[in-house]
């Protein structure tokens, strides 16, 4: 502004003195940004965010306001390009942070003695979906405040990676320990994964303001949504296995001499046990649409 107000009037118009000063200033500033990038991990994450915010919320709008935006564009020098190494450092930082959160949520999610399940919307749940997506959305909001598409894109990309890692770890735990889980917790996992699916749809909507070149690279949201649906199927299978495990002794009697002489008592025990599980343990505690699918799974 000082150049525009005080220096420009001192020179003939054909000197284009403002454009000259702007170009020199921009080039020097680009060199400074390259110096910052060369310092790599010495630049704190908070300072990376401040630099990006300063460029997008102050420097670039100010140039446009003074009519110098085309001069800078014509130079082919982007301050944000100079910060690419720092943006990579920022991505590595949020990668470690979000994945650490995701794993911690899984490990601390299972209720312990004296720590009951939550009843949310009338069904068994835990706070895992809310905690997971609140953490992710917090990082996206930080990126959005910079008004820089690349920051938002990188954060969404890491959000997808975090959700895929979360699914992989949760699947591993269920496959390894699922039969040891309390039935109520398995039901809660079904409901949790449905909520995670819904939250993923909302998260996917946050890429709408981005340029098309970034949207086309955020192509794993369908994989994330499918992953939560597959976890629901896995949990329903574990639930069925737990129920049938309770009936293993009755199943052993099928088509034996005892079966034929029991006058239907063995089958009645099986039916009564199943109905007890369905009516008293599962129905009303699992999201209704998934309860109906569960009944279809075991052909009831």
C-alpha atoms as a PDB file:
ATOM      1  CA  UNK A   1       0.000   0.000   0.000  1.00  0.00           C
ATOM      2  CA  UNK A   2       2.861   2.381   0.789  1.00  0.00           C
ATOM      3  CA  UNK A   3       4.296   1.828  -2.704  1.00  0.00           C
ATOM      4  CA  UNK A   4       0.883   2.325  -4.275  1.00  0.00           C
ATOM      5  CA  UNK A   5       0.115   5.509  -2.313  1.00  0.00           C
ATOM      6  CA  UNK A   6       3.540   7.164  -1.979  1.00  0.00           C
ATOM      7  CA  UNK A   7       5.946   5.787  -4.594  1.00  0.00           C
ATOM      8  CA  UNK A   8       3.807   5.377  -7.710  1.00  0.00           C
ATOM      9  CA  UNK A   9       2.908   9.106  -7.946  1.00  0.00           C
ATOM     10  CA  UNK A  10       6.631   9.953  -8.112  1.00  0.00           C
ATOM     11  CA  UNK A  11       7.207   8.117 -11.411  1.00  0.00           C
ATOM     12  CA  UNK A  12       5.771   8.444 -14.897  1.00  0.00           C
ATOM     13  CA  UNK A  13       2.999   5.924 -15.630  1.00  0.00           C
ATOM     14  CA  UNK A  14       5.034   4.237 -18.374  1.00  0.00           C
ATOM     15  CA  UNK A  15       7.543   3.088 -15.748  1.00  0.00           C
ATOM     16  CA  UNK A  16       4.974   0.657 -14.319  1.00  0.00           C
ATOM     17  CA  UNK A  17       6.762   1.155 -11.041  1.00  0.00           C
ATOM     18  CA  UNK A  18       4.070  -0.553  -8.982  1.00  0.00           C
ATOM     19  CA  UNK A  19       4.339  -3.734 -11.040  1.00  0.00           C
ATOM     20  CA  UNK A  20       8.121  -3.639 -10.702  1.00  0.00           C
ATOM     21  CA  UNK A  21       7.997  -3.257  -6.915  1.00  0.00           C
ATOM     22  CA  UNK A  22       5.319  -5.930  -6.650  1.00  0.00           C
ATOM     23  CA  UNK A  23       7.338  -8.428  -8.692  1.00  0.00           C
ATOM     24  CA  UNK A  24      10.522  -7.787  -6.712  1.00  0.00           C
ATOM     25  CA  UNK A  25       8.653  -8.062  -3.402  1.00  0.00           C
ATOM     26  CA  UNK A  26       6.902 -11.239  -4.498  1.00  0.00           C
ATOM     27  CA  UNK A  27      10.155 -12.862  -5.622  1.00  0.00           C
ATOM     28  CA  UNK A  28      11.895 -11.963  -2.373  1.00  0.00           C
ATOM     29  CA  UNK A  29       8.938 -13.272  -0.391  1.00  0.00           C
ATOM     30  CA  UNK A  30       9.020 -16.493  -2.396  1.00  0.00           C
ATOM     31  CA  UNK A  31      12.690 -16.865  -1.439  1.00  0.00           C
ATOM     32  CA  UNK A  32      11.756 -16.442   2.195  1.00  0.00           C
ATOM     33  CA  UNK A  33       9.100 -19.169   1.895  1.00  0.00           C
ATOM     34  CA  UNK A  34      11.683 -21.463   0.283  1.00  0.00           C
ATOM     35  CA  UNK A  35      13.988 -20.793   3.239  1.00  0.00           C
ATOM     36  CA  UNK A  36      11.175 -21.762   5.627  1.00  0.00           C
ATOM     37  CA  UNK A  37      10.594 -24.962   3.671  1.00  0.00           C
ATOM     38  CA  UNK A  38      14.310 -25.791   3.763  1.00  0.00           C
ATOM     39  CA  UNK A  39      14.131 -25.726   7.570  1.00  0.00           C
ATOM     40  CA  UNK A  40      11.647 -28.599   7.400  1.00  0.00           C
ATOM     41  CA  UNK A  41      10.778 -30.053  10.774  1.00  0.00           C
ATOM     42  CA  UNK A  42      12.124 -27.002  12.572  1.00  0.00           C
ATOM     43  CA  UNK A  43       8.909 -25.175  11.609  1.00  0.00           C
ATOM     44  CA  UNK A  44       6.117 -26.022  14.100  1.00  0.00           C
ATOM     45  CA  UNK A  45       2.751 -27.128  12.716  1.00  0.00           C
ATOM     46  CA  UNK A  46       1.101 -24.037  14.179  1.00  0.00           C
ATOM     47  CA  UNK A  47       3.499 -21.850  12.169  1.00  0.00           C
ATOM     48  CA  UNK A  48       2.779 -23.759   8.969  1.00  0.00           C
ATOM     49  CA  UNK A  49      -0.903 -23.001   9.453  1.00  0.00           C
ATOM     50  CA  UNK A  50      -0.132 -19.340  10.142  1.00  0.00           C
ATOM     51  CA  UNK A  51       1.952 -19.041   6.967  1.00  0.00           C
ATOM     52  CA  UNK A  52      -0.755 -20.595   4.803  1.00  0.00           C
ATOM     53  CA  UNK A  53      -3.442 -18.424   6.405  1.00  0.00           C
ATOM     54  CA  UNK A  54      -1.359 -15.292   5.869  1.00  0.00           C
ATOM     55  CA  UNK A  55      -0.932 -16.064   2.164  1.00  0.00           C
ATOM     56  CA  UNK A  56      -4.562 -16.991   1.466  1.00  0.00           C
ATOM     57  CA  UNK A  57      -6.390 -14.604   3.808  1.00  0.00           C
ATOM     58  CA  UNK A  58      -4.155 -11.516   3.652  1.00  0.00           C
ATOM     59  CA  UNK A  59      -1.393 -11.464   1.029  1.00  0.00           C
ATOM     60  CA  UNK A  60      -3.243 -12.740  -2.050  1.00  0.00           C
ATOM     61  CA  UNK A  61      -6.494 -10.791  -1.365  1.00  0.00           C
ATOM     62  CA  UNK A  62      -4.442  -7.631  -0.754  1.00  0.00           C
ATOM     63  CA  UNK A  63      -2.669  -7.999  -4.094  1.00  0.00           C
ATOM     64  CA  UNK A  64      -5.992  -8.452  -5.858  1.00  0.00           C
ATOM     65  CA  UNK A  65      -7.416  -5.417  -4.094  1.00  0.00           C
ATOM     66  CA  UNK A  66      -4.485  -3.309  -5.294  1.00  0.00           C
ATOM     67  CA  UNK A  67      -4.800  -4.647  -8.826  1.00  0.00           C
ATOM     68  CA  UNK A  68      -1.553  -6.621  -8.730  1.00  0.00           C
ATOM     69  CA  UNK A  69      -2.995 -10.119  -8.848  1.00  0.00           C
ATOM     70  CA  UNK A  70      -2.292 -10.574 -12.576  1.00  0.00           C
ATOM     71  CA  UNK A  71       1.303  -9.449 -12.119  1.00  0.00           C
ATOM     72  CA  UNK A  72       1.942 -12.207  -9.586  1.00  0.00           C
ATOM     73  CA  UNK A  73       0.089 -14.801 -11.627  1.00  0.00           C
ATOM     74  CA  UNK A  74       2.121 -13.790 -14.673  1.00  0.00           C
ATOM     75  CA  UNK A  75       5.352 -14.362 -12.769  1.00  0.00           C
ATOM     76  CA  UNK A  76       4.528 -18.057 -12.482  1.00  0.00           C
ATOM     77  CA  UNK A  77       5.744 -18.039  -8.871  1.00  0.00           C
ATOM     78  CA  UNK A  78       3.343 -19.328  -6.221  1.00  0.00           C
ATOM     79  CA  UNK A  79       4.150 -18.841  -2.548  1.00  0.00           C
ATOM     80  CA  UNK A  80       2.098 -21.920  -1.722  1.00  0.00           C
ATOM     81  CA  UNK A  81       4.155 -24.001  -4.143  1.00  0.00           C
ATOM     82  CA  UNK A  82       7.245 -22.845  -2.237  1.00  0.00           C
ATOM     83  CA  UNK A  83       5.639 -24.270   0.910  1.00  0.00           C
ATOM     84  CA  UNK A  84       5.058 -27.742  -0.558  1.00  0.00           C
ATOM     85  CA  UNK A  85       7.658 -29.405   1.717  1.00  0.00           C
ATOM     86  CA  UNK A  86       5.982 -27.837   4.759  1.00  0.00           C
ATOM     87  CA  UNK A  87       2.567 -28.998   3.558  1.00  0.00           C
ATOM     88  CA  UNK A  88       4.015 -32.504   3.297  1.00  0.00           C
ATOM     89  CA  UNK A  89       5.267 -32.179   6.886  1.00  0.00           C
ATOM     90  CA  UNK A  90       1.808 -31.046   7.956  1.00  0.00           C
ATOM     91  CA  UNK A  91       0.238 -34.060   6.267  1.00  0.00           C
ATOM     92  CA  UNK A  92       2.658 -36.407   8.055  1.00  0.00           C
ATOM     93  CA  UNK A  93       1.788 -34.742  11.338  1.00  0.00           C
ATOM     94  CA  UNK A  94      -1.989 -35.144  10.998  1.00  0.00           C
ATOM     95  CA  UNK A  95      -1.483 -38.689   9.655  1.00  0.00           C
ATOM     96  CA  UNK A  96       0.218 -39.747  12.882  1.00  0.00           C
ATOM     97  CA  UNK A  97      -2.176 -37.763  15.038  1.00  0.00           C
ATOM     98  CA  UNK A  98      -5.424 -39.065  13.541  1.00  0.00           C
ATOM     99  CA  UNK A  99      -4.303 -42.680  13.303  1.00  0.00           C
ATOM    100  CA  UNK A 100      -3.169 -42.593  16.930  1.00  0.00           C
ATOM    101  CA  UNK A 101      -6.613 -41.298  17.900  1.00  0.00           C
ATOM    102  CA  UNK A 102      -8.346 -43.981  15.827  1.00  0.00           C
ATOM    103  CA  UNK A 103      -6.398 -46.848  17.422  1.00  0.00           C
ATOM    104  CA  UNK A 104      -6.884 -45.415  20.909  1.00  0.00           C
ATOM    105  CA  UNK A 105     -10.626 -45.130  20.345  1.00  0.00           C
ATOM    106  CA  UNK A 106     -10.792 -48.810  19.394  1.00  0.00           C
ATOM    107  CA  UNK A 107      -8.750 -49.936  22.388  1.00  0.00           C
ATOM    108  CA  UNK A 108     -10.726 -47.890  24.926  1.00  0.00           C
ATOM    109  CA  UNK A 109     -14.161 -48.366  23.384  1.00  0.00           C
ATOM    110  CA  UNK A 110     -15.148 -51.730  24.813  1.00  0.00           C
ATOM    111  CA  UNK A 111     -17.163 -51.294  28.036  1.00  0.00           C
ATOM    112  CA  UNK A 112     -15.582 -52.568  31.223  1.00  0.00           C
ATOM    113  CA  UNK A 113     -17.185 -53.625  34.471  1.00  0.00           C
ATOM    114  CA  UNK A 114     -19.132 -50.710  35.879  1.00  0.00           C
ATOM    115  CA  UNK A 115     -18.957 -48.883  32.529  1.00  0.00           C
ATOM    116  CA  UNK A 116     -22.247 -49.601  30.796  1.00  0.00           C
ATOM    117  CA  UNK A 117     -23.097 -49.228  27.122  1.00  0.00           C
ATOM    118  CA  UNK A 118     -24.690 -46.002  25.963  1.00  0.00           C
ATOM    119  CA  UNK A 119     -28.307 -46.009  24.838  1.00  0.00           C
ATOM    120  CA  UNK A 120     -28.408 -43.595  21.891  1.00  0.00           C
ATOM    121  CA  UNK A 121     -31.575 -43.235  19.804  1.00  0.00           C
ATOM    122  CA  UNK A 122     -32.974 -46.156  21.786  1.00  0.00           C
ATOM    123  CA  UNK A 123     -30.312 -48.706  20.769  1.00  0.00           C
ATOM    124  CA  UNK A 124     -27.041 -50.001  22.212  1.00  0.00           C
ATOM    125  CA  UNK A 125     -24.115 -47.800  21.229  1.00  0.00           C
ATOM    126  CA  UNK A 126     -20.758 -46.531  22.392  1.00  0.00           C
ATOM    127  CA  UNK A 127     -19.263 -43.080  21.929  1.00  0.00           C
ATOM    128  CA  UNK A 128     -16.707 -44.345  19.393  1.00  0.00           C
ATOM    129  CA  UNK A 129     -18.416 -42.982  16.234  1.00  0.00           C
ATOM    130  CA  UNK A 130     -18.958 -39.534  17.739  1.00  0.00           C
ATOM    131  CA  UNK A 131     -15.416 -39.381  19.136  1.00  0.00           C
ATOM    132  CA  UNK A 132     -13.809 -40.627  15.906  1.00  0.00           C
ATOM    133  CA  UNK A 133     -15.602 -38.268  13.559  1.00  0.00           C
ATOM    134  CA  UNK A 134     -15.409 -35.319  15.941  1.00  0.00           C
ATOM    135  CA  UNK A 135     -11.624 -35.711  15.913  1.00  0.00           C
ATOM    136  CA  UNK A 136     -11.551 -35.918  12.111  1.00  0.00           C
ATOM    137  CA  UNK A 137     -13.903 -32.961  11.640  1.00  0.00           C
ATOM    138  CA  UNK A 138     -11.792 -30.898  14.019  1.00  0.00           C
ATOM    139  CA  UNK A 139      -8.777 -31.327  11.747  1.00  0.00           C
ATOM    140  CA  UNK A 140     -10.831 -30.508   8.649  1.00  0.00           C
ATOM    141  CA  UNK A 141     -12.141 -27.336  10.290  1.00  0.00           C
ATOM    142  CA  UNK A 142      -8.563 -26.279  11.057  1.00  0.00           C
ATOM    143  CA  UNK A 143      -7.681 -26.789   7.387  1.00  0.00           C
ATOM    144  CA  UNK A 144     -10.804 -24.980   6.185  1.00  0.00           C
ATOM    145  CA  UNK A 145      -9.859 -21.906   8.193  1.00  0.00           C
ATOM    146  CA  UNK A 146      -6.763 -21.515   6.014  1.00  0.00           C
ATOM    147  CA  UNK A 147      -8.993 -21.176   2.927  1.00  0.00           C
ATOM    148  CA  UNK A 148      -6.403 -23.167   1.032  1.00  0.00           C
ATOM    149  CA  UNK A 149      -7.781 -26.004  -1.097  1.00  0.00           C
ATOM    150  CA  UNK A 150      -4.600 -28.065  -0.858  1.00  0.00           C
ATOM    151  CA  UNK A 151      -4.731 -28.054   2.941  1.00  0.00           C
ATOM    152  CA  UNK A 152      -8.354 -29.162   2.915  1.00  0.00           C
ATOM    153  CA  UNK A 153      -7.624 -31.797   0.276  1.00  0.00           C
ATOM    154  CA  UNK A 154      -4.656 -33.234   2.190  1.00  0.00           C
ATOM    155  CA  UNK A 155      -6.686 -33.349   5.409  1.00  0.00           C
ATOM    156  CA  UNK A 156      -9.601 -35.118   3.701  1.00  0.00           C
ATOM    157  CA  UNK A 157      -7.135 -37.561   2.152  1.00  0.00           C
ATOM    158  CA  UNK A 158      -5.711 -38.363   5.579  1.00  0.00           C
ATOM    159  CA  UNK A 159      -9.239 -38.628   6.980  1.00  0.00           C
ATOM    160  CA  UNK A 160      -9.973 -41.371   4.456  1.00  0.00           C
ATOM    161  CA  UNK A 161      -6.716 -43.155   5.329  1.00  0.00           C
ATOM    162  CA  UNK A 162      -7.581 -42.913   9.030  1.00  0.00           C
ATOM    163  CA  UNK A 163     -11.042 -44.418   8.524  1.00  0.00           C
ATOM    164  CA  UNK A 164      -9.613 -47.281   6.450  1.00  0.00           C
ATOM    165  CA  UNK A 165      -6.997 -47.946   9.146  1.00  0.00           C
ATOM    166  CA  UNK A 166      -9.741 -47.802  11.803  1.00  0.00           C
ATOM    167  CA  UNK A 167     -11.769 -50.392   9.877  1.00  0.00           C
ATOM    168  CA  UNK A 168      -8.777 -52.668   9.385  1.00  0.00           C
ATOM    169  CA  UNK A 169      -7.900 -52.616  13.088  1.00  0.00           C
ATOM    170  CA  UNK A 170     -11.508 -53.082  14.199  1.00  0.00           C
ATOM    171  CA  UNK A 171     -11.989 -55.984  11.778  1.00  0.00           C
ATOM    172  CA  UNK A 172      -8.822 -57.641  13.080  1.00  0.00           C
ATOM    173  CA  UNK A 173     -10.025 -57.306  16.674  1.00  0.00           C
ATOM    174  CA  UNK A 174     -13.480 -58.694  15.873  1.00  0.00           C
ATOM    175  CA  UNK A 175     -12.086 -61.647  13.918  1.00  0.00           C
ATOM    176  CA  UNK A 176      -9.647 -62.435  16.721  1.00  0.00           C
ATOM    177  CA  UNK A 177     -11.779 -61.768  19.811  1.00  0.00           C
ATOM    178  CA  UNK A 178     -15.363 -61.416  18.600  1.00  0.00           C
ATOM    179  CA  UNK A 179     -16.622 -64.637  20.198  1.00  0.00           C
ATOM    180  CA  UNK A 180     -15.364 -63.347  23.564  1.00  0.00           C
ATOM    181  CA  UNK A 181     -17.287 -60.083  23.321  1.00  0.00           C
ATOM    182  CA  UNK A 182     -20.464 -59.572  25.279  1.00  0.00           C
ATOM    183  CA  UNK A 183     -23.474 -59.914  22.988  1.00  0.00           C
ATOM    184  CA  UNK A 184     -24.616 -56.408  23.894  1.00  0.00           C
ATOM    185  CA  UNK A 185     -21.291 -55.011  22.711  1.00  0.00           C
ATOM    186  CA  UNK A 186     -21.513 -56.840  19.372  1.00  0.00           C
ATOM    187  CA  UNK A 187     -24.972 -55.321  18.896  1.00  0.00           C
ATOM    188  CA  UNK A 188     -23.502 -51.916  19.733  1.00  0.00           C
ATOM    189  CA  UNK A 189     -20.808 -52.453  17.077  1.00  0.00           C
ATOM    190  CA  UNK A 190     -23.506 -53.038  14.448  1.00  0.00           C
ATOM    191  CA  UNK A 191     -25.205 -49.779  15.431  1.00  0.00           C
ATOM    192  CA  UNK A 192     -21.864 -47.948  15.649  1.00  0.00           C
ATOM    193  CA  UNK A 193     -20.854 -48.960  12.126  1.00  0.00           C
ATOM    194  CA  UNK A 194     -24.186 -47.744  10.759  1.00  0.00           C
ATOM    195  CA  UNK A 195     -23.560 -44.368  12.416  1.00  0.00           C
ATOM    196  CA  UNK A 196     -20.022 -44.326  11.008  1.00  0.00           C
ATOM    197  CA  UNK A 197     -21.501 -44.973   7.563  1.00  0.00           C
ATOM    198  CA  UNK A 198     -23.840 -41.991   7.989  1.00  0.00           C
ATOM    199  CA  UNK A 199     -21.034 -39.768   9.271  1.00  0.00           C
ATOM    200  CA  UNK A 200     -18.932 -40.783   6.249  1.00  0.00           C
ATOM    201  CA  UNK A 201     -21.684 -39.522   3.942  1.00  0.00           C
ATOM    202  CA  UNK A 202     -21.540 -36.167   5.740  1.00  0.00           C
ATOM    203  CA  UNK A 203     -17.748 -36.128   5.522  1.00  0.00           C
ATOM    204  CA  UNK A 204     -17.897 -36.831   1.793  1.00  0.00           C
ATOM    205  CA  UNK A 205     -20.011 -33.700   1.380  1.00  0.00           C
ATOM    206  CA  UNK A 206     -17.182 -31.544   2.709  1.00  0.00           C
ATOM    207  CA  UNK A 207     -15.207 -31.971  -0.503  1.00  0.00           C
ATOM    208  CA  UNK A 208     -17.896 -30.203  -2.560  1.00  0.00           C
ATOM    209  CA  UNK A 209     -16.246 -26.726  -2.423  1.00  0.00           C
ATOM    210  CA  UNK A 210     -12.951 -28.140  -3.742  1.00  0.00           C
ATOM    211  CA  UNK A 211     -11.764 -27.855  -7.323  1.00  0.00           C
ATOM    212  CA  UNK A 212     -12.494 -30.835  -9.566  1.00  0.00           C
ATOM    213  CA  UNK A 213      -8.806 -31.823  -9.704  1.00  0.00           C
ATOM    214  CA  UNK A 214      -8.923 -32.525  -5.969  1.00  0.00           C
ATOM    215  CA  UNK A 215     -12.340 -34.189  -5.971  1.00  0.00           C
ATOM    216  CA  UNK A 216     -11.225 -36.787  -8.504  1.00  0.00           C
ATOM    217  CA  UNK A 217      -8.385 -37.812  -6.184  1.00  0.00           C
ATOM    218  CA  UNK A 218     -10.719 -38.257  -3.211  1.00  0.00           C
ATOM    219  CA  UNK A 219     -12.093 -41.426  -4.759  1.00  0.00           C
ATOM    220  CA  UNK A 220     -11.978 -43.782  -1.766  1.00  0.00           C
ATOM    221  CA  UNK A 221     -15.119 -42.669   0.022  1.00  0.00           C
ATOM    222  CA  UNK A 222     -17.046 -45.562  -1.558  1.00  0.00           C
ATOM    223  CA  UNK A 223     -14.416 -47.946  -0.175  1.00  0.00           C
ATOM    224  CA  UNK A 224     -14.866 -46.435   3.294  1.00  0.00           C
ATOM    225  CA  UNK A 225     -18.655 -46.764   3.131  1.00  0.00           C
ATOM    226  CA  UNK A 226     -18.414 -50.343   1.894  1.00  0.00           C
ATOM    227  CA  UNK A 227     -15.949 -51.073   4.696  1.00  0.00           C
ATOM    228  CA  UNK A 228     -18.441 -50.077   7.380  1.00  0.00           C
ATOM    229  CA  UNK A 229     -21.168 -52.162   5.716  1.00  0.00           C
ATOM    230  CA  UNK A 230     -18.831 -55.155   5.662  1.00  0.00           C
ATOM    231  CA  UNK A 231     -18.078 -54.659   9.366  1.00  0.00           C
ATOM    232  CA  UNK A 232     -21.817 -54.732  10.052  1.00  0.00           C
ATOM    233  CA  UNK A 233     -22.065 -58.062   8.213  1.00  0.00           C
ATOM    234  CA  UNK A 234     -19.110 -59.412  10.202  1.00  0.00           C
ATOM    235  CA  UNK A 235     -20.688 -58.389  13.507  1.00  0.00           C
ATOM    236  CA  UNK A 236     -23.999 -59.993  12.555  1.00  0.00           C
ATOM    237  CA  UNK A 237     -22.122 -63.210  11.766  1.00  0.00           C
ATOM    238  CA  UNK A 238     -20.362 -63.089  15.155  1.00  0.00           C
ATOM    239  CA  UNK A 239     -23.724 -62.558  16.817  1.00  0.00           C
ATOM    240  CA  UNK A 240     -25.186 -65.584  15.026  1.00  0.00           C
ATOM    241  CA  UNK A 241     -22.147 -67.686  15.961  1.00  0.00           C
ATOM    242  CA  UNK A 242     -22.538 -66.699  19.627  1.00  0.00           C
ATOM    243  CA  UNK A 243     -26.173 -67.766  19.624  1.00  0.00           C
ATOM    244  CA  UNK A 244     -25.481 -71.069  17.858  1.00  0.00           C
ATOM    245  CA  UNK A 245     -22.567 -71.714  20.223  1.00  0.00           C
ATOM    246  CA  UNK A 246     -25.091 -71.652  23.065  1.00  0.00           C
ATOM    247  CA  UNK A 247     -27.101 -74.327  21.263  1.00  0.00           C
ATOM    248  CA  UNK A 248     -24.205 -76.600  20.316  1.00  0.00           C
ATOM    249  CA  UNK A 249     -25.263 -79.374  22.691  1.00  0.00           C
ATOM    250  CA  UNK A 250     -28.785 -79.371  21.286  1.00  0.00           C
ATOM    251  CA  UNK A 251     -27.467 -79.450  17.715  1.00  0.00           C
ATOM    252  CA  UNK A 252     -25.380 -82.520  18.552  1.00  0.00           C
ATOM    253  CA  UNK A 253     -28.624 -84.362  19.303  1.00  0.00           C
ATOM    254  CA  UNK A 254     -30.106 -83.724  15.858  1.00  0.00           C
ATOM    255  CA  UNK A 255     -31.101 -86.959  14.082  1.00  0.00           C
ATOM    256  CA  UNK A 256     -29.859 -89.146  16.930  1.00  0.00           C
ATOM    257  CA  UNK A 257     -31.956 -91.696  18.781  1.00  0.00           C
ATOM    258  CA  UNK A 258     -32.696 -89.036  21.409  1.00  0.00           C
ATOM    259  CA  UNK A 259     -33.916 -86.687  18.662  1.00  0.00           C
ATOM    260  CA  UNK A 260     -36.426 -89.216  17.357  1.00  0.00           C
ATOM    261  CA  UNK A 261     -37.713 -90.155  20.813  1.00  0.00           C
ATOM    262  CA  UNK A 262     -37.938 -86.618  22.240  1.00  0.00           C
ATOM    263  CA  UNK A 263     -41.337 -85.877  20.658  1.00  0.00           C
ATOM    264  CA  UNK A 264     -40.015 -82.532  19.383  1.00  0.00           C
ATOM    265  CA  UNK A 265     -38.623 -81.419  22.754  1.00  0.00           C
ATOM    266  CA  UNK A 266     -35.111 -80.789  21.336  1.00  0.00           C
ATOM    267  CA  UNK A 267     -36.408 -78.627  18.507  1.00  0.00           C
ATOM    268  CA  UNK A 268     -38.681 -76.804  20.954  1.00  0.00           C
ATOM    269  CA  UNK A 269     -35.648 -75.994  23.104  1.00  0.00           C
ATOM    270  CA  UNK A 270     -33.841 -74.596  20.066  1.00  0.00           C
ATOM    271  CA  UNK A 271     -36.833 -72.472  19.060  1.00  0.00           C
ATOM    272  CA  UNK A 272     -37.394 -71.184  22.600  1.00  0.00           C
ATOM    273  CA  UNK A 273     -33.727 -70.277  22.960  1.00  0.00           C
ATOM    274  CA  UNK A 274     -33.668 -68.441  19.633  1.00  0.00           C
ATOM    275  CA  UNK A 275     -36.862 -66.562  20.432  1.00  0.00           C
ATOM    276  CA  UNK A 276     -35.476 -65.588  23.819  1.00  0.00           C
ATOM    277  CA  UNK A 277     -32.345 -64.148  22.201  1.00  0.00           C
ATOM    278  CA  UNK A 278     -34.287 -62.369  19.484  1.00  0.00           C
ATOM    279  CA  UNK A 279     -37.004 -60.893  21.680  1.00  0.00           C
ATOM    280  CA  UNK A 280     -35.156 -60.214  24.936  1.00  0.00           C
ATOM    281  CA  UNK A 281     -31.546 -59.629  23.866  1.00  0.00           C
ATOM    282  CA  UNK A 282     -31.530 -58.204  20.344  1.00  0.00           C
ATOM    283  CA  UNK A 283     -34.873 -56.768  19.226  1.00  0.00           C
ATOM    284  CA  UNK A 284     -35.185 -53.132  20.236  1.00  0.00           C
ATOM    285  CA  UNK A 285     -31.452 -52.866  20.916  1.00  0.00           C
ATOM    286  CA  UNK A 286     -30.276 -53.146  17.289  1.00  0.00           C
ATOM    287  CA  UNK A 287     -31.292 -50.716  14.558  1.00  0.00           C
ATOM    288  CA  UNK A 288     -34.526 -52.198  13.218  1.00  0.00           C
ATOM    289  CA  UNK A 289     -33.483 -52.565   9.562  1.00  0.00           C
ATOM    290  CA  UNK A 290     -30.353 -54.462  10.599  1.00  0.00           C
ATOM    291  CA  UNK A 291     -32.338 -56.616  13.027  1.00  0.00           C
ATOM    292  CA  UNK A 292     -34.543 -57.730  10.121  1.00  0.00           C
ATOM    293  CA  UNK A 293     -31.445 -58.495   8.049  1.00  0.00           C
ATOM    294  CA  UNK A 294     -30.059 -60.477  10.979  1.00  0.00           C
ATOM    295  CA  UNK A 295     -33.194 -62.619  11.098  1.00  0.00           C
ATOM    296  CA  UNK A 296     -32.831 -63.200   7.361  1.00  0.00           C
ATOM    297  CA  UNK A 297     -29.196 -64.245   7.892  1.00  0.00           C
ATOM    298  CA  UNK A 298     -30.226 -67.156  10.110  1.00  0.00           C
ATOM    299  CA  UNK A 299     -33.362 -67.916   8.084  1.00  0.00           C
ATOM    300  CA  UNK A 300     -35.918 -67.105  10.779  1.00  0.00           C
END
